[in-house]
Amino acid sequence: MVVTQIKILNNMDNIFVLVIVIILGIIFYFIPAIIGSDKKQSTGIFLLNLFLGWTVLGWVGSLVWSVSSPKKEKFFTYSCDKCGNEQKFTKRLKLFVCQNCQTSYQIDDEEESNNSWSDI
């Protein structure tokens, strides 16, 4: 009976180790997709990694693509107080001119935190 319990424990240990190895393998397999998740072409990187990642060339290709691809730019959505026109600008700009009514706005850091950001 003691021998049977030891075999069961050994089997449970083997199953636990196998599950951990499978999880780590899946994470390693999708490293290019994880790195490329904040890139402009994240869908293409993910699909290449998913379907051709099992080949060494596909995995390396998706890794190179994910590292070299430019990041998604963040845009700031701002509504003109005068005409209500909504525009998107990059975060780096501090002075906005409404394209509709030509009203200019200077945005300070406190006002930036109150408005919405979106990835495009």
PDB file of N, CA and C in Angstrom:
ATOM      1  N   MET A   1       0.813  -1.189   0.000  1.00  0.00           N
ATOM      2  CA  MET A   1       0.000   0.000   0.000  1.00  0.00           C
ATOM      3  C   MET A   1       0.860   1.256   0.000  1.00  0.00           C
ATOM      4  N   VAL A   2       1.949   1.259   0.745  1.00  0.00           N
ATOM      5  CA  VAL A   2       2.845   2.411   0.789  1.00  0.00           C
ATOM      6  C   VAL A   2       3.495   2.609  -0.578  1.00  0.00           C
ATOM      7  N   VAL A   3       3.856   1.498  -1.238  1.00  0.00           N
ATOM      8  CA  VAL A   3       4.472   1.576  -2.560  1.00  0.00           C
ATOM      9  C   VAL A   3       3.482   2.187  -3.559  1.00  0.00           C
ATOM     10  N   THR A   4       2.208   1.821  -3.462  1.00  0.00           N
ATOM     11  CA  THR A   4       1.190   2.352  -4.364  1.00  0.00           C
ATOM     12  C   THR A   4       1.023   3.858  -4.167  1.00  0.00           C
ATOM     13  N   GLN A   5       1.025   4.312  -2.917  1.00  0.00           N
ATOM     14  CA  GLN A   5       0.896   5.739  -2.642  1.00  0.00           C
ATOM     15  C   GLN A   5       2.096   6.506  -3.179  1.00  0.00           C
ATOM     16  N   ILE A   6       3.283   5.959  -3.076  1.00  0.00           N
ATOM     17  CA  ILE A   6       4.483   6.612  -3.605  1.00  0.00           C
ATOM     18  C   ILE A   6       4.398   6.720  -5.121  1.00  0.00           C
ATOM     19  N   LYS A   7       3.914   5.667  -5.801  1.00  0.00           N
ATOM     20  CA  LYS A   7       3.769   5.716  -7.262  1.00  0.00           C
ATOM     21  C   LYS A   7       2.762   6.783  -7.669  1.00  0.00           C
ATOM     22  N   ILE A   8       1.659   6.889  -6.908  1.00  0.00           N
ATOM     23  CA  ILE A   8       0.660   7.904  -7.219  1.00  0.00           C
ATOM     24  C   ILE A   8       1.257   9.303  -7.047  1.00  0.00           C
ATOM     25  N   LEU A   9       2.024   9.510  -5.970  1.00  0.00           N
ATOM     26  CA  LEU A   9       2.665  10.798  -5.754  1.00  0.00           C
ATOM     27  C   LEU A   9       3.659  11.104  -6.870  1.00  0.00           C
ATOM     28  N   ASN A  10       4.409  10.115  -7.308  1.00  0.00           N
ATOM     29  CA  ASN A  10       5.360  10.317  -8.401  1.00  0.00           C
ATOM     30  C   ASN A  10       4.624  10.687  -9.685  1.00  0.00           C
ATOM     31  N   ASN A  11       3.483  10.032  -9.940  1.00  0.00           N
ATOM     32  CA  ASN A  11       2.689  10.369 -11.123  1.00  0.00           C
ATOM     33  C   ASN A  11       2.149  11.792 -11.031  1.00  0.00           C
ATOM     34  N   MET A  12       1.706  12.199  -9.832  1.00  0.00           N
ATOM     35  CA  MET A  12       1.202  13.559  -9.648  1.00  0.00           C
ATOM     36  C   MET A  12       2.324  14.572  -9.856  1.00  0.00           C
ATOM     37  N   ASP A  13       3.511  14.261  -9.355  1.00  0.00           N
ATOM     38  CA  ASP A  13       4.651  15.148  -9.564  1.00  0.00           C
ATOM     39  C   ASP A  13       4.980  15.256 -11.049  1.00  0.00           C
ATOM     40  N   ASN A  14       4.922  14.139 -11.750  1.00  0.00           N
ATOM     41  CA  ASN A  14       5.203  14.150 -13.188  1.00  0.00           C
ATOM     42  C   ASN A  14       4.168  14.973 -13.946  1.00  0.00           C
ATOM     43  N   ILE A  15       2.912  14.863 -13.558  1.00  0.00           N
ATOM     44  CA  ILE A  15       1.852  15.628 -14.215  1.00  0.00           C
ATOM     45  C   ILE A  15       2.042  17.123 -13.945  1.00  0.00           C
ATOM     46  N   PHE A  16       2.382  17.473 -12.701  1.00  0.00           N
ATOM     47  CA  PHE A  16       2.616  18.869 -12.352  1.00  0.00           C
ATOM     48  C   PHE A  16       3.781  19.439 -13.160  1.00  0.00           C
ATOM     49  N   VAL A  17       4.860  18.704 -13.245  1.00  0.00           N
ATOM     50  CA  VAL A  17       6.029  19.138 -14.018  1.00  0.00           C
ATOM     51  C   VAL A  17       5.659  19.268 -15.493  1.00  0.00           C
ATOM     52  N   LEU A  18       4.888  18.343 -16.007  1.00  0.00           N
ATOM     53  CA  LEU A  18       4.468  18.387 -17.407  1.00  0.00           C
ATOM     54  C   LEU A  18       3.610  19.622 -17.683  1.00  0.00           C
ATOM     55  N   VAL A  19       2.687  19.947 -16.790  1.00  0.00           N
ATOM     56  CA  VAL A  19       1.839  21.121 -16.958  1.00  0.00           C
ATOM     57  C   VAL A  19       2.687  22.395 -16.940  1.00  0.00           C
ATOM     58  N   ILE A  20       3.638  22.481 -16.026  1.00  0.00           N
ATOM     59  CA  ILE A  20       4.526  23.647 -15.944  1.00  0.00           C
ATOM     60  C   ILE A  20       5.356  23.773 -17.226  1.00  0.00           C
ATOM     61  N   VAL A  21       5.882  22.666 -17.723  1.00  0.00           N
ATOM     62  CA  VAL A  21       6.682  22.692 -18.953  1.00  0.00           C
ATOM     63  C   VAL A  21       5.824  23.126 -20.139  1.00  0.00           C
ATOM     64  N   ILE A  22       4.586  22.652 -20.222  1.00  0.00           N
ATOM     65  CA  ILE A  22       3.696  23.041 -21.317  1.00  0.00           C
ATOM     66  C   ILE A  22       3.381  24.540 -21.245  1.00  0.00           C
ATOM     67  N   ILE A  23       3.101  25.049 -20.064  1.00  0.00           N
ATOM     68  CA  ILE A  23       2.811  26.480 -19.906  1.00  0.00           C
ATOM     69  C   ILE A  23       4.019  27.324 -20.295  1.00  0.00           C
ATOM     70  N   LEU A  24       5.202  26.944 -19.834  1.00  0.00           N
ATOM     71  CA  LEU A  24       6.419  27.677 -20.189  1.00  0.00           C
ATOM     72  C   LEU A  24       6.699  27.584 -21.691  1.00  0.00           C
ATOM     73  N   GLY A  25       6.418  26.431 -22.287  1.00  0.00           N
ATOM     74  CA  GLY A  25       6.603  26.265 -23.728  1.00  0.00           C
ATOM     75  C   GLY A  25       5.683  27.170 -24.527  1.00  0.00           C
ATOM     76  N   ILE A  26       4.430  27.291 -24.094  1.00  0.00           N
ATOM     77  CA  ILE A  26       3.478  28.172 -24.777  1.00  0.00           C
ATOM     78  C   ILE A  26       3.919  29.630 -24.646  1.00  0.00           C
ATOM     79  N   ILE A  27       4.365  30.025 -23.466  1.00  0.00           N
ATOM     80  CA  ILE A  27       4.855  31.393 -23.273  1.00  0.00           C
ATOM     81  C   ILE A  27       6.060  31.648 -24.167  1.00  0.00           C
ATOM     82  N   PHE A  28       7.006  30.702 -24.213  1.00  0.00           N
ATOM     83  CA  PHE A  28       8.186  30.858 -25.065  1.00  0.00           C
ATOM     84  C   PHE A  28       7.792  30.933 -26.534  1.00  0.00           C
ATOM     85  N   TYR A  29       6.840  30.111 -26.952  1.00  0.00           N
ATOM     86  CA  TYR A  29       6.386  30.086 -28.343  1.00  0.00           C
ATOM     87  C   TYR A  29       5.822  31.445 -28.759  1.00  0.00           C
ATOM     88  N   PHE A  30       5.106  32.109 -27.850  1.00  0.00           N
ATOM     89  CA  PHE A  30       4.453  33.369 -28.175  1.00  0.00           C
ATOM     90  C   PHE A  30       5.249  34.599 -27.746  1.00  0.00           C
ATOM     91  N   ILE A  31       6.529  34.455 -27.450  1.00  0.00           N
ATOM     92  CA  ILE A  31       7.359  35.615 -27.103  1.00  0.00           C
ATOM     93  C   ILE A  31       7.314  36.688 -28.195  1.00  0.00           C
ATOM     94  N   PRO A  32       7.442  36.339 -29.492  1.00  0.00           N
ATOM     95  CA  PRO A  32       7.348  37.394 -30.515  1.00  0.00           C
ATOM     96  C   PRO A  32       6.002  38.119 -30.499  1.00  0.00           C
ATOM     97  N   ALA A  33       4.921  37.404 -30.292  1.00  0.00           N
ATOM     98  CA  ALA A  33       3.599  38.040 -30.248  1.00  0.00           C
ATOM     99  C   ALA A  33       3.461  38.917 -29.006  1.00  0.00           C
ATOM    100  N   ILE A  34       4.033  38.498 -27.899  1.00  0.00           N
ATOM    101  CA  ILE A  34       3.983  39.301 -26.671  1.00  0.00           C
ATOM    102  C   ILE A  34       4.780  40.582 -26.852  1.00  0.00           C
ATOM    103  N   ILE A  35       5.978  40.481 -27.426  1.00  0.00           N
ATOM    104  CA  ILE A  35       6.803  41.663 -27.668  1.00  0.00           C
ATOM    105  C   ILE A  35       6.107  42.601 -28.660  1.00  0.00           C
ATOM    106  N   GLY A  36       5.465  42.032 -29.680  1.00  0.00           N
ATOM    107  CA  GLY A  36       4.837  42.839 -30.713  1.00  0.00           C
ATOM    108  C   GLY A  36       3.431  43.297 -30.413  1.00  0.00           C
ATOM    109  N   SER A  37       2.933  43.066 -29.216  1.00  0.00           N
ATOM    110  CA  SER A  37       1.541  43.403 -28.912  1.00  0.00           C
ATOM    111  C   SER A  37       1.269  44.904 -28.904  1.00  0.00           C
ATOM    112  N   ASP A  38       2.286  45.730 -28.705  1.00  0.00           N
ATOM    113  CA  ASP A  38       2.075  47.179 -28.715  1.00  0.00           C
ATOM    114  C   ASP A  38       2.601  47.832 -29.990  1.00  0.00           C
ATOM    115  N   LYS A  39       2.749  47.041 -31.050  1.00  0.00           N
ATOM    116  CA  LYS A  39       3.244  47.551 -32.324  1.00  0.00           C
ATOM    117  C   LYS A  39       2.095  47.801 -33.284  1.00  0.00           C
ATOM    118  N   LYS A  40       2.363  48.598 -34.331  1.00  0.00           N
ATOM    119  CA  LYS A  40       1.327  48.908 -35.318  1.00  0.00           C
ATOM    120  C   LYS A  40       0.823  47.653 -36.015  1.00  0.00           C
ATOM    121  N   GLN A  41       1.706  46.721 -36.298  1.00  0.00           N
ATOM    122  CA  GLN A  41       1.343  45.519 -37.045  1.00  0.00           C
ATOM    123  C   GLN A  41       1.221  44.309 -36.125  1.00  0.00           C
ATOM    124  N   SER A  42       0.641  44.511 -34.956  1.00  0.00           N
ATOM    125  CA  SER A  42       0.564  43.449 -33.956  1.00  0.00           C
ATOM    126  C   SER A  42      -0.252  42.244 -34.442  1.00  0.00           C
ATOM    127  N   THR A  43      -1.286  42.472 -35.237  1.00  0.00           N
ATOM    128  CA  THR A  43      -2.100  41.356 -35.738  1.00  0.00           C
ATOM    129  C   THR A  43      -1.293  40.476 -36.677  1.00  0.00           C
ATOM    130  N   GLY A  44      -0.545  41.085 -37.580  1.00  0.00           N
ATOM    131  CA  GLY A  44       0.293  40.324 -38.504  1.00  0.00           C
ATOM    132  C   GLY A  44       1.374  39.548 -37.783  1.00  0.00           C
ATOM    133  N   ILE A  45       1.984  40.170 -36.792  1.00  0.00           N
ATOM    134  CA  ILE A  45       3.022  39.499 -36.004  1.00  0.00           C
ATOM    135  C   ILE A  45       2.430  38.298 -35.289  1.00  0.00           C
ATOM    136  N   PHE A  46       1.251  38.482 -34.684  1.00  0.00           N
ATOM    137  CA  PHE A  46       0.601  37.381 -33.976  1.00  0.00           C
ATOM    138  C   PHE A  46       0.256  36.234 -34.922  1.00  0.00           C
ATOM    139  N   LEU A  47      -0.312  36.560 -36.097  1.00  0.00           N
ATOM    140  CA  LEU A  47      -0.705  35.507 -37.039  1.00  0.00           C
ATOM    141  C   LEU A  47       0.499  34.754 -37.577  1.00  0.00           C
ATOM    142  N   LEU A  48       1.579  35.470 -37.891  1.00  0.00           N
ATOM    143  CA  LEU A  48       2.799  34.792 -38.342  1.00  0.00           C
ATOM    144  C   LEU A  48       3.331  33.873 -37.256  1.00  0.00           C
ATOM    145  N   ASN A  49       3.340  34.375 -36.025  1.00  0.00           N
ATOM    146  CA  ASN A  49       3.815  33.577 -34.899  1.00  0.00           C
ATOM    147  C   ASN A  49       2.923  32.363 -34.653  1.00  0.00           C
ATOM    148  N   LEU A  50       1.608  32.558 -34.772  1.00  0.00           N
ATOM    149  CA  LEU A  50       0.668  31.473 -34.524  1.00  0.00           C
ATOM    150  C   LEU A  50       0.800  30.355 -35.554  1.00  0.00           C
ATOM    151  N   PHE A  51       0.820  30.733 -36.846  1.00  0.00           N
ATOM    152  CA  PHE A  51       0.774  29.715 -37.896  1.00  0.00           C
ATOM    153  C   PHE A  51       2.147  29.214 -38.352  1.00  0.00           C
ATOM    154  N   LEU A  52       3.178  30.045 -38.275  1.00  0.00           N
ATOM    155  CA  LEU A  52       4.491  29.604 -38.733  1.00  0.00           C
ATOM    156  C   LEU A  52       5.542  29.596 -37.634  1.00  0.00           C
ATOM    157  N   GLY A  53       5.135  29.898 -36.417  1.00  0.00           N
ATOM    158  CA  GLY A  53       6.079  29.914 -35.311  1.00  0.00           C
ATOM    159  C   GLY A  53       6.661  28.558 -34.982  1.00  0.00           C
ATOM    160  N   TRP A  54       5.991  27.497 -35.378  1.00  0.00           N
ATOM    161  CA  TRP A  54       6.489  26.150 -35.105  1.00  0.00           C
ATOM    162  C   TRP A  54       7.725  25.852 -35.940  1.00  0.00           C
ATOM    163  N   THR A  55       7.922  26.595 -37.037  1.00  0.00           N
ATOM    164  CA  THR A  55       9.172  26.460 -37.789  1.00  0.00           C
ATOM    165  C   THR A  55      10.159  27.445 -37.186  1.00  0.00           C
ATOM    166  N   VAL A  56      11.403  27.106 -37.193  1.00  0.00           N
ATOM    167  CA  VAL A  56      12.415  28.003 -36.629  1.00  0.00           C
ATOM    168  C   VAL A  56      12.434  29.317 -37.411  1.00  0.00           C
ATOM    169  N   LEU A  57      12.331  29.241 -38.726  1.00  0.00           N
ATOM    170  CA  LEU A  57      12.357  30.430 -39.559  1.00  0.00           C
ATOM    171  C   LEU A  57      11.154  31.342 -39.279  1.00  0.00           C
ATOM    172  N   GLY A  58       9.974  30.765 -39.121  1.00  0.00           N
ATOM    173  CA  GLY A  58       8.786  31.559 -38.814  1.00  0.00           C
ATOM    174  C   GLY A  58       8.865  32.211 -37.455  1.00  0.00           C
ATOM    175  N   TRP A  59       9.401  31.508 -36.473  1.00  0.00           N
ATOM    176  CA  TRP A  59       9.522  32.057 -35.127  1.00  0.00           C
ATOM    177  C   TRP A  59      10.536  33.194 -35.107  1.00  0.00           C
ATOM    178  N   VAL A  60      11.700  32.967 -35.726  1.00  0.00           N
ATOM    179  CA  VAL A  60      12.731  34.012 -35.775  1.00  0.00           C
ATOM    180  C   VAL A  60      12.224  35.207 -36.590  1.00  0.00           C
ATOM    181  N   GLY A  61      11.523  34.935 -37.709  1.00  0.00           N
ATOM    182  CA  GLY A  61      10.979  36.020 -38.521  1.00  0.00           C
ATOM    183  C   GLY A  61       9.982  36.868 -37.748  1.00  0.00           C
ATOM    184  N   SER A  62       9.099  36.231 -37.000  1.00  0.00           N
ATOM    185  CA  SER A  62       8.129  36.996 -36.214  1.00  0.00           C
ATOM    186  C   SER A  62       8.810  37.733 -35.060  1.00  0.00           C
ATOM    187  N   LEU A  63       9.879  37.171 -34.518  1.00  0.00           N
ATOM    188  CA  LEU A  63      10.627  37.857 -33.466  1.00  0.00           C
ATOM    189  C   LEU A  63      11.312  39.103 -34.017  1.00  0.00           C
ATOM    190  N   VAL A  64      11.956  38.972 -35.173  1.00  0.00           N
ATOM    191  CA  VAL A  64      12.620  40.125 -35.796  1.00  0.00           C
ATOM    192  C   VAL A  64      11.590  41.192 -36.140  1.00  0.00           C
ATOM    193  N   TRP A  65      10.444  40.779 -36.688  1.00  0.00           N
ATOM    194  CA  TRP A  65       9.383  41.727 -37.042  1.00  0.00           C
ATOM    195  C   TRP A  65       8.862  42.448 -35.806  1.00  0.00           C
ATOM    196  N   SER A  66       8.687  41.720 -34.711  1.00  0.00           N
ATOM    197  CA  SER A  66       8.147  42.337 -33.503  1.00  0.00           C
ATOM    198  C   SER A  66       9.131  43.315 -32.871  1.00  0.00           C
ATOM    199  N   VAL A  67      10.416  43.057 -33.012  1.00  0.00           N
ATOM    200  CA  VAL A  67      11.415  43.954 -32.426  1.00  0.00           C
ATOM    201  C   VAL A  67      11.611  45.188 -33.302  1.00  0.00           C
ATOM    202  N   SER A  68      11.556  45.020 -34.617  1.00  0.00           N
ATOM    203  CA  SER A  68      11.863  46.127 -35.522  1.00  0.00           C
ATOM    204  C   SER A  68      10.651  46.972 -35.913  1.00  0.00           C
ATOM    205  N   SER A  69       9.461  46.511 -35.642  1.00  0.00           N
ATOM    206  CA  SER A  69       8.242  47.229 -36.024  1.00  0.00           C
ATOM    207  C   SER A  69       8.043  48.454 -35.132  1.00  0.00           C
ATOM    208  N   PRO A  70       7.572  49.583 -35.710  1.00  0.00           N
ATOM    209  CA  PRO A  70       7.344  50.777 -34.876  1.00  0.00           C
ATOM    210  C   PRO A  70       6.139  50.599 -33.961  1.00  0.00           C
ATOM    211  N   LYS A  71       6.194  51.265 -32.824  1.00  0.00           N
ATOM    212  CA  LYS A  71       5.105  51.181 -31.849  1.00  0.00           C
ATOM    213  C   LYS A  71       3.885  51.945 -32.330  1.00  0.00           C
ATOM    214  N   LYS A  72       2.726  51.578 -31.787  1.00  0.00           N
ATOM    215  CA  LYS A  72       1.502  52.335 -32.047  1.00  0.00           C
ATOM    216  C   LYS A  72       1.657  53.714 -31.438  1.00  0.00           C
ATOM    217  N   GLU A  73       1.171  54.709 -32.161  1.00  0.00           N
ATOM    218  CA  GLU A  73       1.213  56.061 -31.615  1.00  0.00           C
ATOM    219  C   GLU A  73      -0.041  56.314 -30.785  1.00  0.00           C
ATOM    220  N   LYS A  74       0.145  57.054 -29.719  1.00  0.00           N
ATOM    221  CA  LYS A  74      -0.993  57.425 -28.895  1.00  0.00           C
ATOM    222  C   LYS A  74      -1.497  58.778 -29.373  1.00  0.00           C
ATOM    223  N   PHE A  75      -2.812  58.887 -29.435  1.00  0.00           N
ATOM    224  CA  PHE A  75      -3.422  60.131 -29.865  1.00  0.00           C
ATOM    225  C   PHE A  75      -4.296  60.693 -28.767  1.00  0.00           C
ATOM    226  N   PHE A  76      -4.325  61.992 -28.705  1.00  0.00           N
ATOM    227  CA  PHE A  76      -5.096  62.735 -27.728  1.00  0.00           C
ATOM    228  C   PHE A  76      -6.341  63.274 -28.413  1.00  0.00           C
ATOM    229  N   THR A  77      -7.510  62.919 -27.911  1.00  0.00           N
ATOM    230  CA  THR A  77      -8.764  63.397 -28.483  1.00  0.00           C
ATOM    231  C   THR A  77      -9.211  64.642 -27.725  1.00  0.00           C
ATOM    232  N   TYR A  78      -9.385  65.731 -28.469  1.00  0.00           N
ATOM    233  CA  TYR A  78      -9.752  66.999 -27.848  1.00  0.00           C
ATOM    234  C   TYR A  78     -10.916  67.623 -28.601  1.00  0.00           C
ATOM    235  N   SER A  79     -11.895  68.129 -27.880  1.00  0.00           N
ATOM    236  CA  SER A  79     -13.047  68.813 -28.478  1.00  0.00           C
ATOM    237  C   SER A  79     -12.872  70.314 -28.335  1.00  0.00           C
ATOM    238  N   CYS A  80     -13.096  71.013 -29.426  1.00  0.00           N
ATOM    239  CA  CYS A  80     -13.022  72.473 -29.419  1.00  0.00           C
ATOM    240  C   CYS A  80     -14.203  73.019 -28.613  1.00  0.00           C
ATOM    241  N   ASP A  81     -13.919  73.931 -27.688  1.00  0.00           N
ATOM    242  CA  ASP A  81     -14.981  74.523 -26.864  1.00  0.00           C
ATOM    243  C   ASP A  81     -15.879  75.444 -27.677  1.00  0.00           C
ATOM    244  N   LYS A  82     -15.339  76.016 -28.728  1.00  0.00           N
ATOM    245  CA  LYS A  82     -16.086  77.006 -29.507  1.00  0.00           C
ATOM    246  C   LYS A  82     -17.047  76.358 -30.502  1.00  0.00           C
ATOM    247  N   CYS A  83     -16.538  75.392 -31.294  1.00  0.00           N
ATOM    248  CA  CYS A  83     -17.388  74.817 -32.348  1.00  0.00           C
ATOM    249  C   CYS A  83     -17.767  73.355 -32.088  1.00  0.00           C
ATOM    250  N   GLY A  84     -17.163  72.723 -31.098  1.00  0.00           N
ATOM    251  CA  GLY A  84     -17.495  71.334 -30.767  1.00  0.00           C
ATOM    252  C   GLY A  84     -16.817  70.307 -31.661  1.00  0.00           C
ATOM    253  N   ASN A  85     -15.954  70.740 -32.559  1.00  0.00           N
ATOM    254  CA  ASN A  85     -15.240  69.826 -33.448  1.00  0.00           C
ATOM    255  C   ASN A  85     -14.268  68.968 -32.640  1.00  0.00           C
ATOM    256  N   GLU A  86     -14.279  67.666 -32.865  1.00  0.00           N
ATOM    257  CA  GLU A  86     -13.398  66.755 -32.144  1.00  0.00           C
ATOM    258  C   GLU A  86     -12.212  66.391 -33.028  1.00  0.00           C
ATOM    259  N   GLN A  87     -10.995  66.512 -32.468  1.00  0.00           N
ATOM    260  CA  GLN A  87      -9.779  66.259 -33.234  1.00  0.00           C
ATOM    261  C   GLN A  87      -8.849  65.357 -32.444  1.00  0.00           C
ATOM    262  N   LYS A  88      -7.969  64.687 -33.165  1.00  0.00           N
ATOM    263  CA  LYS A  88      -6.971  63.829 -32.536  1.00  0.00           C
ATOM    264  C   LYS A  88      -5.590  64.391 -32.804  1.00  0.00           C
ATOM    265  N   PHE A  89      -4.788  64.455 -31.747  1.00  0.00           N
ATOM    266  CA  PHE A  89      -3.433  64.962 -31.837  1.00  0.00           C
ATOM    267  C   PHE A  89      -2.494  64.011 -31.112  1.00  0.00           C
ATOM    268  N   THR A  90      -1.217  64.084 -31.446  1.00  0.00           N
ATOM    269  CA  THR A  90      -0.243  63.262 -30.731  1.00  0.00           C
ATOM    270  C   THR A  90       0.037  63.863 -29.366  1.00  0.00           C
ATOM    271  N   LYS A  91       0.537  63.068 -28.484  1.00  0.00           N
ATOM    272  CA  LYS A  91       0.813  63.493 -27.115  1.00  0.00           C
ATOM    273  C   LYS A  91       1.899  64.568 -27.070  1.00  0.00           C
ATOM    274  N   ARG A  92       2.799  64.557 -28.028  1.00  0.00           N
ATOM    275  CA  ARG A  92       3.944  65.464 -27.992  1.00  0.00           C
ATOM    276  C   ARG A  92       3.556  66.933 -28.204  1.00  0.00           C
ATOM    277  N   LEU A  93       2.409  67.193 -28.791  1.00  0.00           N
ATOM    278  CA  LEU A  93       2.002  68.569 -29.065  1.00  0.00           C
ATOM    279  C   LEU A  93       1.428  69.222 -27.821  1.00  0.00           C
ATOM    280  N   LYS A  94       1.737  70.482 -27.628  1.00  0.00           N
ATOM    281  CA  LYS A  94       1.212  71.236 -26.483  1.00  0.00           C
ATOM    282  C   LYS A  94       0.301  72.372 -26.924  1.00  0.00           C
ATOM    283  N   LEU A  95       0.280  72.709 -28.228  1.00  0.00           N
ATOM    284  CA  LEU A  95      -0.556  73.778 -28.742  1.00  0.00           C
ATOM    285  C   LEU A  95      -1.416  73.218 -29.862  1.00  0.00           C
ATOM    286  N   PHE A  96      -2.728  73.327 -29.724  1.00  0.00           N
ATOM    287  CA  PHE A  96      -3.651  72.804 -30.714  1.00  0.00           C
ATOM    288  C   PHE A  96      -4.424  73.945 -31.356  1.00  0.00           C
ATOM    289  N   VAL A  97      -4.611  73.858 -32.651  1.00  0.00           N
ATOM    290  CA  VAL A  97      -5.429  74.818 -33.372  1.00  0.00           C
ATOM    291  C   VAL A  97      -6.571  74.041 -34.003  1.00  0.00           C
ATOM    292  N   CYS A  98      -7.795  74.445 -33.699  1.00  0.00           N
ATOM    293  CA  CYS A  98      -8.967  73.784 -34.255  1.00  0.00           C
ATOM    294  C   CYS A  98      -8.974  73.983 -35.765  1.00  0.00           C
ATOM    295  N   GLN A  99      -9.113  72.898 -36.499  1.00  0.00           N
ATOM    296  CA  GLN A  99      -9.098  72.974 -37.955  1.00  0.00           C
ATOM    297  C   GLN A  99     -10.389  73.573 -38.497  1.00  0.00           C
ATOM    298  N   ASN A 100     -11.420  73.564 -37.696  1.00  0.00           N
ATOM    299  CA  ASN A 100     -12.720  74.054 -38.137  1.00  0.00           C
ATOM    300  C   ASN A 100     -12.859  75.565 -37.951  1.00  0.00           C
ATOM    301  N   CYS A 101     -12.568  76.069 -36.753  1.00  0.00           N
ATOM    302  CA  CYS A 101     -12.788  77.481 -36.456  1.00  0.00           C
ATOM    303  C   CYS A 101     -11.495  78.258 -36.198  1.00  0.00           C
ATOM    304  N   GLN A 102     -10.344  77.601 -36.294  1.00  0.00           N
ATOM    305  CA  GLN A 102      -9.020  78.206 -36.129  1.00  0.00           C
ATOM    306  C   GLN A 102      -8.766  78.757 -34.723  1.00  0.00           C
ATOM    307  N   THR A 103      -9.480  78.287 -33.724  1.00  0.00           N
ATOM    308  CA  THR A 103      -9.235  78.679 -32.343  1.00  0.00           C
ATOM    309  C   THR A 103      -8.030  77.900 -31.830  1.00  0.00           C
ATOM    310  N   SER A 104      -7.105  78.599 -31.158  1.00  0.00           N
ATOM    311  CA  SER A 104      -5.918  77.913 -30.648  1.00  0.00           C
ATOM    312  C   SER A 104      -6.071  77.648 -29.157  1.00  0.00           C
ATOM    313  N   TYR A 105      -5.540  76.510 -28.736  1.00  0.00           N
ATOM    314  CA  TYR A 105      -5.596  76.089 -27.336  1.00  0.00           C
ATOM    315  C   TYR A 105      -4.211  75.657 -26.899  1.00  0.00           C
ATOM    316  N   GLN A 106      -3.818  76.097 -25.719  1.00  0.00           N
ATOM    317  CA  GLN A 106      -2.579  75.617 -25.134  1.00  0.00           C
ATOM    318  C   GLN A 106      -2.953  74.654 -24.018  1.00  0.00           C
ATOM    319  N   ILE A 107      -2.440  73.439 -24.111  1.00  0.00           N
ATOM    320  CA  ILE A 107      -2.812  72.385 -23.170  1.00  0.00           C
ATOM    321  C   ILE A 107      -1.696  72.217 -22.148  1.00  0.00           C
ATOM    322  N   ASP A 108      -2.041  72.324 -20.868  1.00  0.00           N
ATOM    323  CA  ASP A 108      -1.051  72.084 -19.824  1.00  0.00           C
ATOM    324  C   ASP A 108      -1.140  70.630 -19.362  1.00  0.00           C
ATOM    325  N   ASP A 109      -0.180  70.198 -18.565  1.00  0.00           N
ATOM    326  CA  ASP A 109      -0.109  68.798 -18.136  1.00  0.00           C
ATOM    327  C   ASP A 109      -1.324  68.387 -17.318  1.00  0.00           C
ATOM    328  N   GLU A 110      -1.891  69.281 -16.521  1.00  0.00           N
ATOM    329  CA  GLU A 110      -3.048  68.941 -15.696  1.00  0.00           C
ATOM    330  C   GLU A 110      -4.276  68.683 -16.563  1.00  0.00           C
ATOM    331  N   GLU A 111      -4.455  69.480 -17.613  1.00  0.00           N
ATOM    332  CA  GLU A 111      -5.604  69.306 -18.491  1.00  0.00           C
ATOM    333  C   GLU A 111      -5.462  68.031 -19.328  1.00  0.00           C
ATOM    334  N   GLU A 112      -4.223  67.667 -19.672  1.00  0.00           N
ATOM    335  CA  GLU A 112      -3.994  66.439 -20.440  1.00  0.00           C
ATOM    336  C   GLU A 112      -4.494  65.219 -19.709  1.00  0.00           C
ATOM    337  N   SER A 113      -4.287  65.172 -18.402  1.00  0.00           N
ATOM    338  CA  SER A 113      -4.672  63.992 -17.649  1.00  0.00           C
ATOM    339  C   SER A 113      -6.200  63.840 -17.556  1.00  0.00           C
ATOM    340  N   ASN A 114      -6.955  64.902 -17.809  1.00  0.00           N
ATOM    341  CA  ASN A 114      -8.405  64.841 -17.727  1.00  0.00           C
ATOM    342  C   ASN A 114      -9.047  64.383 -19.035  1.00  0.00           C
ATOM    343  N   ASN A 115      -8.315  64.365 -20.121  1.00  0.00           N
ATOM    344  CA  ASN A 115      -8.871  63.995 -21.425  1.00  0.00           C
ATOM    345  C   ASN A 115      -8.472  62.577 -21.796  1.00  0.00           C
ATOM    346  N   SER A 116      -9.080  62.071 -22.859  1.00  0.00           N
ATOM    347  CA  SER A 116      -8.907  60.658 -23.190  1.00  0.00           C
ATOM    348  C   SER A 116      -7.791  60.430 -24.188  1.00  0.00           C
ATOM    349  N   TRP A 117      -7.135  59.294 -24.035  1.00  0.00           N
ATOM    350  CA  TRP A 117      -6.076  58.861 -24.938  1.00  0.00           C
ATOM    351  C   TRP A 117      -6.560  57.610 -25.641  1.00  0.00           C
ATOM    352  N   SER A 118      -6.152  57.420 -26.902  1.00  0.00           N
ATOM    353  CA  SER A 118      -6.501  56.199 -27.616  1.00  0.00           C
ATOM    354  C   SER A 118      -5.333  55.775 -28.483  1.00  0.00           C
ATOM    355  N   ASP A 119      -5.213  54.490 -28.693  1.00  0.00           N
ATOM    356  CA  ASP A 119      -4.180  53.946 -29.561  1.00  0.00           C
ATOM    357  C   ASP A 119      -4.726  53.840 -30.966  1.00  0.00           C
ATOM    358  N   ILE A 120      -3.899  54.237 -31.932  1.00  0.00           N
ATOM    359  CA  ILE A 120      -4.309  54.093 -33.340  1.00  0.00           C
ATOM    360  C   ILE A 120      -3.173  53.442 -34.085  1.00  0.00           C
TER     361      ILE A 120
END
